[in-house]
N, C-alpha and C. Protein backbone atom coordinates (compact mmCIF):
# COMPACT_ATOMS: atom_id res chain seq x y z
N MET A 1 0.85 -1.19 0.00
CA MET A 1 0.00 0.00 0.00
C MET A 1 0.88 1.24 0.00
N ALA A 2 0.65 2.17 -0.98
CA ALA A 2 1.48 3.36 -1.11
C ALA A 2 1.22 4.31 0.05
N HIS A 3 2.28 5.01 0.46
CA HIS A 3 2.15 5.98 1.55
C HIS A 3 1.68 7.31 1.01
N ASP A 4 0.68 7.87 1.61
CA ASP A 4 0.16 9.18 1.23
C ASP A 4 1.04 10.25 1.86
N PRO A 5 1.79 11.02 1.03
CA PRO A 5 2.70 12.02 1.58
C PRO A 5 1.98 13.09 2.40
N GLY A 6 0.69 13.26 2.15
CA GLY A 6 -0.05 14.26 2.90
C GLY A 6 -0.58 13.76 4.23
N GLN A 7 -0.41 12.47 4.47
CA GLN A 7 -0.91 11.89 5.71
C GLN A 7 0.19 11.86 6.76
N VAL A 8 -0.10 12.40 7.91
CA VAL A 8 0.88 12.43 8.98
C VAL A 8 0.91 11.06 9.67
N PRO A 9 2.09 10.40 9.74
CA PRO A 9 2.15 9.09 10.38
C PRO A 9 1.83 9.21 11.86
N PRO A 10 1.22 8.17 12.43
CA PRO A 10 0.89 8.23 13.85
C PRO A 10 2.15 8.33 14.71
N ALA A 11 2.04 9.08 15.79
CA ALA A 11 3.18 9.23 16.69
C ALA A 11 3.52 7.90 17.33
N ARG A 12 4.80 7.67 17.51
CA ARG A 12 5.25 6.44 18.14
C ARG A 12 4.87 6.46 19.62
N VAL A 13 4.27 5.38 20.06
CA VAL A 13 3.85 5.29 21.44
C VAL A 13 4.98 4.72 22.29
N SER A 14 5.39 5.46 23.31
CA SER A 14 6.46 5.00 24.18
C SER A 14 5.89 4.11 25.28
N PRO A 15 6.67 3.12 25.71
CA PRO A 15 6.20 2.28 26.82
C PRO A 15 5.98 3.13 28.06
N ARG A 16 4.98 2.76 28.85
CA ARG A 16 4.71 3.51 30.06
C ARG A 16 4.53 2.55 31.23
N ASP A 17 4.68 3.10 32.40
CA ASP A 17 4.52 2.33 33.62
C ASP A 17 3.11 1.74 33.68
N ALA A 18 3.04 0.46 34.01
CA ALA A 18 1.73 -0.22 34.05
C ALA A 18 1.28 -0.54 35.46
N SER A 19 1.88 0.12 36.45
CA SER A 19 1.57 -0.22 37.84
C SER A 19 0.14 0.12 38.24
N ASP A 20 -0.56 0.91 37.39
CA ASP A 20 -1.94 1.24 37.71
C ASP A 20 -2.91 0.15 37.29
N ARG A 21 -2.39 -0.98 36.84
CA ARG A 21 -3.27 -2.10 36.44
C ARG A 21 -2.66 -3.47 36.78
N THR A 22 -1.78 -3.50 37.76
CA THR A 22 -1.16 -4.77 38.16
C THR A 22 -1.80 -5.35 39.42
N LEU A 23 -2.96 -4.82 39.80
CA LEU A 23 -3.64 -5.28 41.01
C LEU A 23 -2.75 -5.10 42.25
N GLY A 24 -2.01 -4.00 42.24
CA GLY A 24 -1.25 -3.65 43.43
C GLY A 24 0.20 -4.09 43.45
N LEU A 25 0.65 -4.84 42.46
CA LEU A 25 2.06 -5.26 42.42
C LEU A 25 2.91 -4.10 41.91
N ILE A 26 3.80 -3.59 42.77
CA ILE A 26 4.64 -2.47 42.37
C ILE A 26 6.12 -2.77 42.59
N SER A 27 6.43 -3.92 43.17
CA SER A 27 7.81 -4.29 43.47
C SER A 27 8.11 -5.66 42.88
N ILE A 28 9.35 -5.83 42.42
CA ILE A 28 9.75 -7.12 41.89
C ILE A 28 9.69 -8.21 42.95
N TRP A 29 9.85 -7.81 44.24
CA TRP A 29 9.72 -8.80 45.31
C TRP A 29 8.30 -9.32 45.40
N GLN A 30 7.32 -8.48 45.08
CA GLN A 30 5.93 -8.94 45.09
C GLN A 30 5.68 -9.96 43.98
N VAL A 31 6.35 -9.78 42.84
CA VAL A 31 6.20 -10.74 41.75
C VAL A 31 6.84 -12.07 42.15
N LEU A 32 7.97 -12.00 42.85
CA LEU A 32 8.58 -13.23 43.35
C LEU A 32 7.66 -13.90 44.38
N ARG A 33 7.01 -13.11 45.21
CA ARG A 33 6.07 -13.68 46.18
C ARG A 33 4.92 -14.38 45.46
N LYS A 34 4.47 -13.80 44.34
CA LYS A 34 3.44 -14.44 43.52
C LYS A 34 3.93 -15.80 43.01
N LEU A 35 5.20 -15.85 42.57
CA LEU A 35 5.77 -17.12 42.12
C LEU A 35 5.79 -18.14 43.25
N CYS A 36 6.17 -17.70 44.45
CA CYS A 36 6.19 -18.62 45.60
C CYS A 36 4.79 -19.14 45.90
N TRP A 37 3.80 -18.27 45.79
CA TRP A 37 2.41 -18.69 46.00
C TRP A 37 1.99 -19.74 44.97
N GLU A 38 2.38 -19.52 43.71
CA GLU A 38 2.02 -20.47 42.66
C GLU A 38 2.69 -21.82 42.87
N ILE A 39 3.91 -21.81 43.38
CA ILE A 39 4.60 -23.06 43.66
C ILE A 39 3.94 -23.78 44.83
N GLU A 40 3.50 -23.01 45.85
CA GLU A 40 2.76 -23.60 46.96
C GLU A 40 1.45 -24.22 46.47
N LEU A 41 0.78 -23.54 45.56
CA LEU A 41 -0.46 -24.08 44.97
C LEU A 41 -0.17 -25.37 44.22
N LEU A 42 0.92 -25.38 43.45
CA LEU A 42 1.31 -26.59 42.73
C LEU A 42 1.53 -27.75 43.70
N ASN A 43 2.19 -27.47 44.83
CA ASN A 43 2.44 -28.52 45.82
C ASN A 43 1.16 -28.99 46.50
N ALA A 44 0.14 -28.11 46.55
CA ALA A 44 -1.11 -28.46 47.22
C ALA A 44 -2.02 -29.31 46.35
N ILE A 45 -1.78 -29.33 45.07
CA ILE A 45 -2.62 -30.13 44.16
C ILE A 45 -2.24 -31.60 44.29
N PRO A 46 -3.20 -32.49 44.40
CA PRO A 46 -2.89 -33.92 44.55
C PRO A 46 -2.00 -34.42 43.42
N LYS A 47 -0.96 -35.16 43.79
CA LYS A 47 -0.06 -35.71 42.78
C LYS A 47 -0.68 -36.92 42.09
N GLN A 48 -1.64 -37.56 42.75
CA GLN A 48 -2.30 -38.73 42.17
C GLN A 48 -3.81 -38.60 42.38
N ILE A 49 -4.57 -39.12 41.44
CA ILE A 49 -6.02 -39.15 41.57
C ILE A 49 -6.50 -40.58 41.31
N PRO A 50 -7.63 -40.98 41.92
CA PRO A 50 -8.15 -42.32 41.67
C PRO A 50 -8.47 -42.52 40.20
N LEU A 51 -8.00 -43.61 39.66
CA LEU A 51 -8.22 -43.89 38.24
C LEU A 51 -9.71 -44.09 37.98
N GLY A 52 -10.24 -43.31 37.05
CA GLY A 52 -11.64 -43.45 36.67
C GLY A 52 -12.62 -42.78 37.60
N ALA A 53 -12.16 -42.14 38.67
CA ALA A 53 -13.08 -41.52 39.63
C ALA A 53 -13.52 -40.15 39.13
N ARG A 54 -14.70 -39.75 39.55
CA ARG A 54 -15.21 -38.43 39.21
C ARG A 54 -14.42 -37.38 39.99
N PRO A 55 -13.90 -36.33 39.33
CA PRO A 55 -13.12 -35.32 40.05
C PRO A 55 -13.93 -34.66 41.16
N GLN A 56 -13.29 -34.44 42.31
CA GLN A 56 -13.96 -33.78 43.42
C GLN A 56 -14.15 -32.29 43.13
N ASN A 57 -13.13 -31.65 42.56
CA ASN A 57 -13.18 -30.23 42.20
C ASN A 57 -12.06 -29.96 41.20
N ILE A 58 -11.88 -28.69 40.87
CA ILE A 58 -10.92 -28.33 39.81
C ILE A 58 -9.48 -28.68 40.19
N LEU A 59 -9.18 -28.78 41.49
CA LEU A 59 -7.83 -29.16 41.91
C LEU A 59 -7.60 -30.66 41.86
N HIS A 60 -8.63 -31.42 41.59
CA HIS A 60 -8.50 -32.88 41.55
C HIS A 60 -8.66 -33.44 40.13
N VAL A 61 -8.52 -32.59 39.14
CA VAL A 61 -8.59 -33.08 37.78
C VAL A 61 -7.20 -33.50 37.33
N GLN A 62 -7.14 -34.28 36.31
CA GLN A 62 -5.88 -34.89 35.87
C GLN A 62 -4.83 -33.86 35.47
N ASP A 63 -5.27 -32.77 34.87
CA ASP A 63 -4.31 -31.80 34.32
C ASP A 63 -4.04 -30.62 35.24
N ALA A 64 -4.59 -30.62 36.46
CA ALA A 64 -4.46 -29.45 37.33
C ALA A 64 -3.01 -29.07 37.60
N ARG A 65 -2.14 -30.05 37.82
CA ARG A 65 -0.75 -29.75 38.10
C ARG A 65 -0.05 -29.13 36.89
N LEU A 66 -0.46 -29.53 35.70
CA LEU A 66 0.12 -28.95 34.49
C LEU A 66 -0.31 -27.49 34.35
N TYR A 67 -1.58 -27.20 34.65
CA TYR A 67 -2.06 -25.81 34.58
C TYR A 67 -1.26 -24.94 35.55
N ALA A 68 -1.07 -25.42 36.76
CA ALA A 68 -0.33 -24.66 37.77
C ALA A 68 1.12 -24.46 37.36
N ALA A 69 1.71 -25.47 36.74
CA ALA A 69 3.10 -25.36 36.28
C ALA A 69 3.23 -24.30 35.19
N ILE A 70 2.26 -24.25 34.28
CA ILE A 70 2.29 -23.24 33.22
C ILE A 70 2.22 -21.84 33.82
N ASN A 71 1.36 -21.66 34.83
CA ASN A 71 1.25 -20.34 35.47
C ASN A 71 2.55 -19.94 36.15
N ALA A 72 3.20 -20.87 36.84
CA ALA A 72 4.46 -20.57 37.51
C ALA A 72 5.55 -20.24 36.49
N ALA A 73 5.57 -20.95 35.38
CA ALA A 73 6.55 -20.66 34.32
C ALA A 73 6.31 -19.25 33.77
N SER A 74 5.05 -18.87 33.61
CA SER A 74 4.72 -17.54 33.11
C SER A 74 5.20 -16.45 34.06
N THR A 75 5.08 -16.67 35.36
CA THR A 75 5.54 -15.68 36.32
C THR A 75 7.06 -15.57 36.29
N ASN A 76 7.76 -16.67 36.04
CA ASN A 76 9.21 -16.62 35.87
C ASN A 76 9.58 -15.66 34.73
N ILE A 77 8.84 -15.72 33.63
CA ILE A 77 9.13 -14.85 32.50
C ILE A 77 8.73 -13.42 32.80
N ALA A 78 7.66 -13.23 33.58
CA ALA A 78 7.30 -11.88 34.01
C ALA A 78 8.43 -11.27 34.84
N LEU A 79 9.07 -12.09 35.67
CA LEU A 79 10.17 -11.62 36.50
C LEU A 79 11.34 -11.12 35.65
N VAL A 80 11.56 -11.73 34.50
CA VAL A 80 12.62 -11.26 33.60
C VAL A 80 12.33 -9.83 33.17
N ASP A 81 11.10 -9.57 32.76
CA ASP A 81 10.72 -8.23 32.32
C ASP A 81 10.80 -7.23 33.47
N TRP A 82 10.34 -7.62 34.65
CA TRP A 82 10.42 -6.75 35.81
C TRP A 82 11.88 -6.45 36.17
N LEU A 83 12.72 -7.45 36.06
CA LEU A 83 14.13 -7.25 36.38
C LEU A 83 14.76 -6.24 35.41
N TYR A 84 14.49 -6.41 34.14
CA TYR A 84 15.06 -5.51 33.14
C TYR A 84 14.65 -4.06 33.40
N HIS A 85 13.36 -3.84 33.60
CA HIS A 85 12.88 -2.47 33.78
C HIS A 85 13.20 -1.91 35.15
N SER A 86 13.48 -2.78 36.12
CA SER A 86 13.83 -2.31 37.46
C SER A 86 15.28 -1.84 37.55
N ILE A 87 16.14 -2.31 36.63
CA ILE A 87 17.55 -1.94 36.70
C ILE A 87 17.98 -0.99 35.60
N ARG A 88 17.22 -0.88 34.53
CA ARG A 88 17.70 -0.21 33.31
C ARG A 88 18.05 1.26 33.51
N ASP A 89 17.43 1.94 34.47
CA ASP A 89 17.70 3.36 34.68
C ASP A 89 18.53 3.62 35.95
N ASP A 90 19.09 2.56 36.50
CA ASP A 90 19.88 2.71 37.73
C ASP A 90 21.28 2.14 37.50
N ARG A 91 22.26 3.02 37.38
CA ARG A 91 23.62 2.59 37.04
C ARG A 91 24.18 1.61 38.06
N ASP A 92 23.91 1.84 39.35
CA ASP A 92 24.42 0.95 40.39
C ASP A 92 23.82 -0.44 40.27
N LEU A 93 22.50 -0.51 40.04
CA LEU A 93 21.84 -1.81 39.89
C LEU A 93 22.35 -2.53 38.65
N ILE A 94 22.56 -1.79 37.57
CA ILE A 94 23.09 -2.41 36.35
C ILE A 94 24.46 -3.01 36.60
N GLU A 95 25.31 -2.27 37.27
CA GLU A 95 26.66 -2.77 37.52
C GLU A 95 26.64 -4.02 38.40
N ARG A 96 25.78 -4.03 39.41
CA ARG A 96 25.69 -5.22 40.26
C ARG A 96 25.08 -6.38 39.51
N ALA A 97 24.10 -6.11 38.63
CA ALA A 97 23.49 -7.17 37.83
C ALA A 97 24.51 -7.79 36.88
N GLU A 98 25.40 -6.97 36.34
CA GLU A 98 26.42 -7.48 35.43
C GLU A 98 27.43 -8.36 36.15
N VAL A 99 27.60 -8.12 37.45
CA VAL A 99 28.48 -8.98 38.25
C VAL A 99 27.76 -10.28 38.60
N VAL A 100 26.53 -10.17 39.06
CA VAL A 100 25.76 -11.35 39.49
C VAL A 100 25.41 -12.24 38.30
N LEU A 101 25.07 -11.60 37.18
CA LEU A 101 24.65 -12.34 35.98
C LEU A 101 25.69 -12.09 34.89
N ALA A 102 26.81 -12.76 35.00
CA ALA A 102 27.90 -12.55 34.06
C ALA A 102 27.45 -12.85 32.63
N GLY A 103 27.64 -11.88 31.74
CA GLY A 103 27.24 -12.05 30.35
C GLY A 103 25.89 -11.45 30.02
N ILE A 104 25.21 -10.84 31.01
CA ILE A 104 23.90 -10.26 30.76
C ILE A 104 24.03 -9.05 29.84
N GLN A 105 23.07 -8.87 28.95
CA GLN A 105 23.06 -7.74 28.01
C GLN A 105 21.90 -6.82 28.38
N ILE A 106 22.21 -5.55 28.60
CA ILE A 106 21.23 -4.59 29.09
C ILE A 106 20.73 -3.66 28.00
N ASP A 107 21.26 -3.75 26.77
CA ASP A 107 20.96 -2.75 25.75
C ASP A 107 19.52 -2.77 25.27
N SER A 108 18.82 -3.90 25.39
CA SER A 108 17.41 -3.97 24.98
C SER A 108 16.74 -5.10 25.74
N ASP A 109 15.41 -5.04 25.83
CA ASP A 109 14.70 -6.11 26.54
C ASP A 109 14.83 -7.44 25.82
N THR A 110 14.91 -7.40 24.48
CA THR A 110 15.06 -8.64 23.71
C THR A 110 16.40 -9.30 24.00
N ASN A 111 17.48 -8.52 23.96
CA ASN A 111 18.80 -9.08 24.24
C ASN A 111 18.94 -9.47 25.71
N PHE A 112 18.24 -8.75 26.58
CA PHE A 112 18.26 -9.10 27.99
C PHE A 112 17.67 -10.49 28.18
N MET A 113 16.51 -10.74 27.58
CA MET A 113 15.89 -12.06 27.68
C MET A 113 16.78 -13.13 27.05
N ARG A 114 17.30 -12.84 25.86
CA ARG A 114 18.12 -13.83 25.16
C ARG A 114 19.36 -14.21 25.98
N SER A 115 20.02 -13.22 26.54
CA SER A 115 21.23 -13.51 27.30
C SER A 115 20.90 -14.20 28.63
N LEU A 116 19.78 -13.84 29.26
CA LEU A 116 19.40 -14.48 30.51
C LEU A 116 19.02 -15.94 30.29
N ARG A 117 18.45 -16.23 29.13
CA ARG A 117 18.15 -17.64 28.79
C ARG A 117 19.43 -18.44 28.66
N GLU A 118 20.50 -17.82 28.19
CA GLU A 118 21.78 -18.52 28.08
C GLU A 118 22.43 -18.70 29.45
N ILE A 119 22.19 -17.75 30.34
CA ILE A 119 22.77 -17.81 31.69
C ILE A 119 22.04 -18.84 32.54
N SER A 120 20.71 -18.88 32.45
CA SER A 120 19.90 -19.72 33.33
C SER A 120 19.10 -20.75 32.55
N LYS A 121 19.34 -22.02 32.84
CA LYS A 121 18.55 -23.09 32.22
C LYS A 121 17.09 -23.01 32.66
N ILE A 122 16.86 -22.52 33.87
CA ILE A 122 15.49 -22.38 34.38
C ILE A 122 14.72 -21.35 33.56
N VAL A 123 15.33 -20.18 33.36
CA VAL A 123 14.66 -19.14 32.56
C VAL A 123 14.41 -19.64 31.15
N ASN A 124 15.38 -20.35 30.58
CA ASN A 124 15.19 -20.87 29.23
C ASN A 124 14.04 -21.87 29.18
N ALA A 125 13.96 -22.76 30.16
CA ALA A 125 12.89 -23.77 30.19
C ALA A 125 11.53 -23.09 30.31
N CYS A 126 11.44 -22.08 31.18
CA CYS A 126 10.17 -21.38 31.35
C CYS A 126 9.79 -20.63 30.08
N HIS A 127 10.79 -20.06 29.41
CA HIS A 127 10.54 -19.38 28.14
C HIS A 127 9.99 -20.35 27.10
N GLN A 128 10.57 -21.54 27.04
CA GLN A 128 10.09 -22.54 26.08
C GLN A 128 8.64 -22.93 26.37
N ILE A 129 8.33 -23.14 27.64
CA ILE A 129 6.96 -23.52 28.03
C ILE A 129 5.97 -22.42 27.67
N CYS A 130 6.31 -21.17 28.01
CA CYS A 130 5.40 -20.06 27.78
C CYS A 130 5.21 -19.76 26.30
N SER A 131 6.30 -19.81 25.54
CA SER A 131 6.19 -19.56 24.10
C SER A 131 5.30 -20.59 23.43
N ALA A 132 5.46 -21.85 23.83
CA ALA A 132 4.67 -22.91 23.21
C ALA A 132 3.20 -22.83 23.60
N ASN A 133 2.90 -22.32 24.80
CA ASN A 133 1.51 -22.19 25.21
C ASN A 133 0.87 -20.93 24.64
N LYS A 134 1.69 -19.95 24.29
CA LYS A 134 1.17 -18.71 23.73
C LYS A 134 0.97 -18.82 22.23
N HIS A 135 1.84 -19.55 21.55
CA HIS A 135 1.80 -19.66 20.10
C HIS A 135 1.59 -21.12 19.70
N PHE A 136 0.59 -21.36 18.85
CA PHE A 136 0.31 -22.72 18.41
C PHE A 136 1.47 -23.27 17.58
N HIS A 137 2.06 -22.41 16.73
CA HIS A 137 3.23 -22.79 15.92
C HIS A 137 4.42 -21.94 16.34
N LEU A 138 5.59 -22.55 16.43
CA LEU A 138 6.83 -21.83 16.73
C LEU A 138 7.67 -21.76 15.46
N ARG A 139 8.08 -20.55 15.08
CA ARG A 139 8.85 -20.39 13.85
C ARG A 139 10.27 -20.93 13.98
N ARG A 140 10.90 -20.67 15.13
CA ARG A 140 12.28 -21.12 15.32
C ARG A 140 12.41 -21.79 16.69
N PRO A 141 11.81 -22.96 16.84
CA PRO A 141 11.89 -23.63 18.14
C PRO A 141 13.30 -24.13 18.43
N GLN A 142 13.64 -24.18 19.70
CA GLN A 142 14.93 -24.72 20.11
C GLN A 142 14.90 -26.22 19.88
N GLN A 143 15.72 -26.70 18.97
CA GLN A 143 15.60 -28.07 18.49
C GLN A 143 15.97 -29.12 19.53
N ASP A 144 16.85 -28.77 20.47
CA ASP A 144 17.33 -29.77 21.41
C ASP A 144 16.51 -29.80 22.70
N PHE A 145 15.40 -29.08 22.72
CA PHE A 145 14.62 -28.93 23.95
C PHE A 145 13.22 -29.51 23.78
N LYS A 146 12.73 -30.17 24.83
CA LYS A 146 11.33 -30.60 24.82
C LYS A 146 10.89 -30.90 26.26
N ILE A 147 9.59 -30.84 26.46
CA ILE A 147 8.97 -31.24 27.72
C ILE A 147 8.20 -32.52 27.47
N MET A 148 8.52 -33.55 28.21
CA MET A 148 7.84 -34.83 28.06
C MET A 148 6.81 -34.97 29.17
N VAL A 149 5.57 -35.23 28.79
CA VAL A 149 4.48 -35.40 29.75
C VAL A 149 3.94 -36.83 29.61
N GLY A 150 3.83 -37.50 30.73
CA GLY A 150 3.35 -38.88 30.70
C GLY A 150 2.40 -39.16 31.84
N GLU A 151 1.69 -40.25 31.72
CA GLU A 151 0.78 -40.70 32.77
C GLU A 151 1.28 -42.02 33.34
N ILE A 152 1.21 -42.12 34.64
CA ILE A 152 1.64 -43.34 35.33
C ILE A 152 0.46 -43.89 36.12
N VAL A 153 0.19 -45.17 35.92
CA VAL A 153 -0.87 -45.83 36.68
C VAL A 153 -0.21 -46.63 37.81
N LEU A 154 -0.60 -46.31 39.03
CA LEU A 154 -0.02 -46.94 40.21
C LEU A 154 -1.05 -47.85 40.86
N GLU A 155 -0.76 -49.13 40.90
CA GLU A 155 -1.67 -50.08 41.52
C GLU A 155 -1.50 -50.06 43.04
N GLN A 156 -2.62 -50.01 43.76
CA GLN A 156 -2.62 -49.96 45.21
C GLN A 156 -2.83 -51.36 45.80
N SER A 157 -2.46 -51.50 47.05
CA SER A 157 -2.58 -52.82 47.70
C SER A 157 -4.03 -53.27 47.84
N ASP A 158 -4.98 -52.32 47.84
CA ASP A 158 -6.39 -52.69 47.99
C ASP A 158 -7.06 -53.00 46.66
N GLY A 159 -6.28 -53.03 45.58
CA GLY A 159 -6.81 -53.37 44.28
C GLY A 159 -7.22 -52.18 43.44
N THR A 160 -7.25 -50.99 44.03
CA THR A 160 -7.57 -49.79 43.26
C THR A 160 -6.31 -49.28 42.56
N ALA A 161 -6.49 -48.29 41.73
CA ALA A 161 -5.36 -47.72 40.99
C ALA A 161 -5.41 -46.20 41.05
N GLN A 162 -4.23 -45.60 41.10
CA GLN A 162 -4.09 -44.15 41.11
C GLN A 162 -3.40 -43.72 39.81
N LEU A 163 -3.84 -42.57 39.30
CA LEU A 163 -3.27 -42.02 38.08
C LEU A 163 -2.46 -40.78 38.41
N ALA A 164 -1.22 -40.72 37.94
CA ALA A 164 -0.35 -39.57 38.16
C ALA A 164 0.11 -39.03 36.81
N THR A 165 0.13 -37.71 36.68
CA THR A 165 0.65 -37.05 35.48
C THR A 165 1.99 -36.41 35.82
N VAL A 166 3.01 -36.73 35.06
CA VAL A 166 4.36 -36.22 35.34
C VAL A 166 4.89 -35.50 34.11
N ALA A 167 5.70 -34.47 34.36
CA ALA A 167 6.30 -33.70 33.27
C ALA A 167 7.79 -33.55 33.53
N HIS A 168 8.58 -33.78 32.48
CA HIS A 168 10.03 -33.69 32.60
C HIS A 168 10.61 -32.80 31.51
N VAL A 169 11.62 -32.02 31.90
CA VAL A 169 12.40 -31.24 30.95
C VAL A 169 13.48 -32.14 30.36
N VAL A 170 13.66 -32.07 29.05
CA VAL A 170 14.73 -32.82 28.39
C VAL A 170 15.43 -31.88 27.42
N GLN A 171 16.72 -31.63 27.67
CA GLN A 171 17.53 -30.84 26.74
C GLN A 171 18.69 -31.71 26.29
N ASN A 172 18.60 -32.19 25.09
CA ASN A 172 19.61 -33.11 24.56
C ASN A 172 20.99 -32.46 24.51
N GLY A 173 21.99 -33.22 24.91
CA GLY A 173 23.36 -32.73 24.87
C GLY A 173 23.80 -32.04 26.13
N ALA A 174 22.87 -31.84 27.08
CA ALA A 174 23.23 -31.14 28.32
C ALA A 174 23.45 -32.10 29.48
N GLY A 175 23.40 -33.40 29.20
CA GLY A 175 23.63 -34.39 30.25
C GLY A 175 22.56 -34.32 31.33
N GLN A 176 22.94 -34.70 32.54
CA GLN A 176 21.99 -34.71 33.66
C GLN A 176 21.50 -33.31 33.99
N ASP A 177 22.32 -32.28 33.72
CA ASP A 177 21.91 -30.91 33.99
C ASP A 177 20.76 -30.46 33.10
N GLY A 178 20.56 -31.16 32.01
CA GLY A 178 19.50 -30.80 31.07
C GLY A 178 18.25 -31.63 31.22
N ARG A 179 18.17 -32.41 32.29
CA ARG A 179 17.01 -33.28 32.50
C ARG A 179 16.51 -33.12 33.93
N GLY A 180 15.22 -33.27 34.09
CA GLY A 180 14.67 -33.21 35.44
C GLY A 180 13.20 -32.92 35.44
N SER A 181 12.59 -33.03 36.61
CA SER A 181 11.16 -32.81 36.72
C SER A 181 10.83 -31.33 36.63
N VAL A 182 9.70 -31.03 35.99
CA VAL A 182 9.25 -29.66 35.87
C VAL A 182 8.92 -29.09 37.25
N ASP A 183 8.30 -29.90 38.11
CA ASP A 183 7.98 -29.45 39.47
C ASP A 183 9.24 -29.01 40.22
N ALA A 184 10.29 -29.83 40.14
CA ALA A 184 11.55 -29.50 40.83
C ALA A 184 12.19 -28.26 40.22
N MET A 185 12.12 -28.13 38.91
CA MET A 185 12.69 -26.97 38.24
C MET A 185 12.00 -25.69 38.70
N LEU A 186 10.68 -25.71 38.84
CA LEU A 186 9.95 -24.53 39.27
C LEU A 186 10.24 -24.20 40.72
N ALA A 187 10.36 -25.23 41.57
CA ALA A 187 10.72 -24.99 42.96
C ALA A 187 12.11 -24.34 43.04
N ASP A 188 13.03 -24.81 42.22
CA ASP A 188 14.38 -24.23 42.19
C ASP A 188 14.36 -22.79 41.66
N SER A 189 13.37 -22.49 40.82
CA SER A 189 13.32 -21.14 40.23
C SER A 189 13.12 -20.08 41.30
N ALA A 190 12.29 -20.35 42.31
CA ALA A 190 12.07 -19.36 43.37
C ALA A 190 13.35 -19.12 44.16
N ILE A 191 14.10 -20.19 44.41
CA ILE A 191 15.38 -20.07 45.13
C ILE A 191 16.37 -19.27 44.29
N TRP A 192 16.41 -19.56 42.99
CA TRP A 192 17.33 -18.87 42.08
C TRP A 192 17.03 -17.37 42.04
N TRP A 193 15.76 -17.02 41.89
CA TRP A 193 15.38 -15.62 41.81
C TRP A 193 15.68 -14.89 43.12
N GLU A 194 15.39 -15.52 44.24
CA GLU A 194 15.67 -14.88 45.53
C GLU A 194 17.16 -14.58 45.67
N ASP A 195 17.99 -15.51 45.24
CA ASP A 195 19.43 -15.33 45.31
C ASP A 195 19.88 -14.19 44.40
N VAL A 196 19.35 -14.16 43.17
CA VAL A 196 19.74 -13.12 42.22
C VAL A 196 19.32 -11.74 42.72
N LEU A 197 18.07 -11.59 43.16
CA LEU A 197 17.59 -10.28 43.59
C LEU A 197 18.32 -9.81 44.84
N SER A 198 18.61 -10.74 45.75
CA SER A 198 19.32 -10.38 46.97
C SER A 198 20.75 -9.93 46.66
N ARG A 199 21.42 -10.64 45.78
CA ARG A 199 22.81 -10.30 45.45
C ARG A 199 22.89 -9.00 44.66
N ILE A 200 21.91 -8.72 43.82
CA ILE A 200 21.90 -7.44 43.12
C ILE A 200 21.64 -6.31 44.11
N GLY A 201 20.87 -6.60 45.14
CA GLY A 201 20.65 -5.61 46.19
C GLY A 201 19.35 -4.85 46.09
N PHE A 202 18.30 -5.50 45.57
CA PHE A 202 17.01 -4.83 45.52
C PHE A 202 16.46 -4.65 46.93
N PRO A 203 16.07 -3.44 47.27
CA PRO A 203 15.50 -3.21 48.61
C PRO A 203 14.07 -3.77 48.69
N GLY A 204 13.61 -4.01 49.91
CA GLY A 204 12.21 -4.38 50.11
C GLY A 204 11.93 -5.84 50.35
N ARG A 205 12.97 -6.68 50.40
CA ARG A 205 12.71 -8.10 50.61
C ARG A 205 11.98 -8.35 51.93
N ASP A 206 12.48 -7.74 53.01
CA ASP A 206 11.88 -7.96 54.32
C ASP A 206 10.45 -7.46 54.39
N LEU A 207 10.13 -6.44 53.59
CA LEU A 207 8.77 -5.91 53.57
C LEU A 207 7.80 -6.91 52.96
N HIS A 208 8.23 -7.57 51.91
CA HIS A 208 7.32 -8.46 51.17
C HIS A 208 7.47 -9.93 51.56
N PHE A 209 8.51 -10.26 52.30
CA PHE A 209 8.68 -11.62 52.82
C PHE A 209 8.93 -11.53 54.32
N PRO A 210 7.99 -10.95 55.08
CA PRO A 210 8.25 -10.73 56.51
C PRO A 210 8.38 -12.00 57.32
N ALA A 211 7.66 -13.05 56.91
CA ALA A 211 7.70 -14.29 57.70
C ALA A 211 7.81 -15.51 56.81
N LEU A 212 8.11 -15.28 55.54
CA LEU A 212 8.16 -16.38 54.58
C LEU A 212 9.61 -16.67 54.21
N GLN A 213 9.88 -17.90 53.91
CA GLN A 213 11.18 -18.29 53.40
C GLN A 213 11.01 -18.78 51.98
N VAL A 214 11.79 -18.23 51.06
CA VAL A 214 11.71 -18.64 49.65
C VAL A 214 12.33 -20.00 49.50
């Protein structure tokens, strides 16, 4: 379509603070607390359900743990964006982040995400999960990465059977470090983020985690 020289192009819209629509989340520590809550919810969902039984409620359905895992992975990726925007205008925070996260790139949010995925296998795994759930087709998927989901039927001593759904990360070529349970990976993610934010020196941890341990 030809451009009309007499038409003034629309002004470029600059990103703006979105804290007026985050339901009260204004600190990166609050986002980490949300991740901890989601991991607690994941742990509260039954790991096994009676085979063939009618679900008691939404937390007792076969896929409930997978839904909770997707939400926790999404919050991990939200933390990447919060981290980038929380440090980008503070020279001291940038310098500490470059020490804590060796190899991090601060020049753009895209490069920040790309470099953090290379630094952290957890961030990369969460990115893969979220991208695949957001987009039906992936144009350039990471070829050596996949999440394997399976069902296990466990026979009980009373003759009944329990059904468990399990999910594992598999990154070919990374050895044992590239394999493991999704549940364990998400639990480790909260510990990893707490360590990173504390070492960078973000204030407010005690305010948002007054009696909780990550």
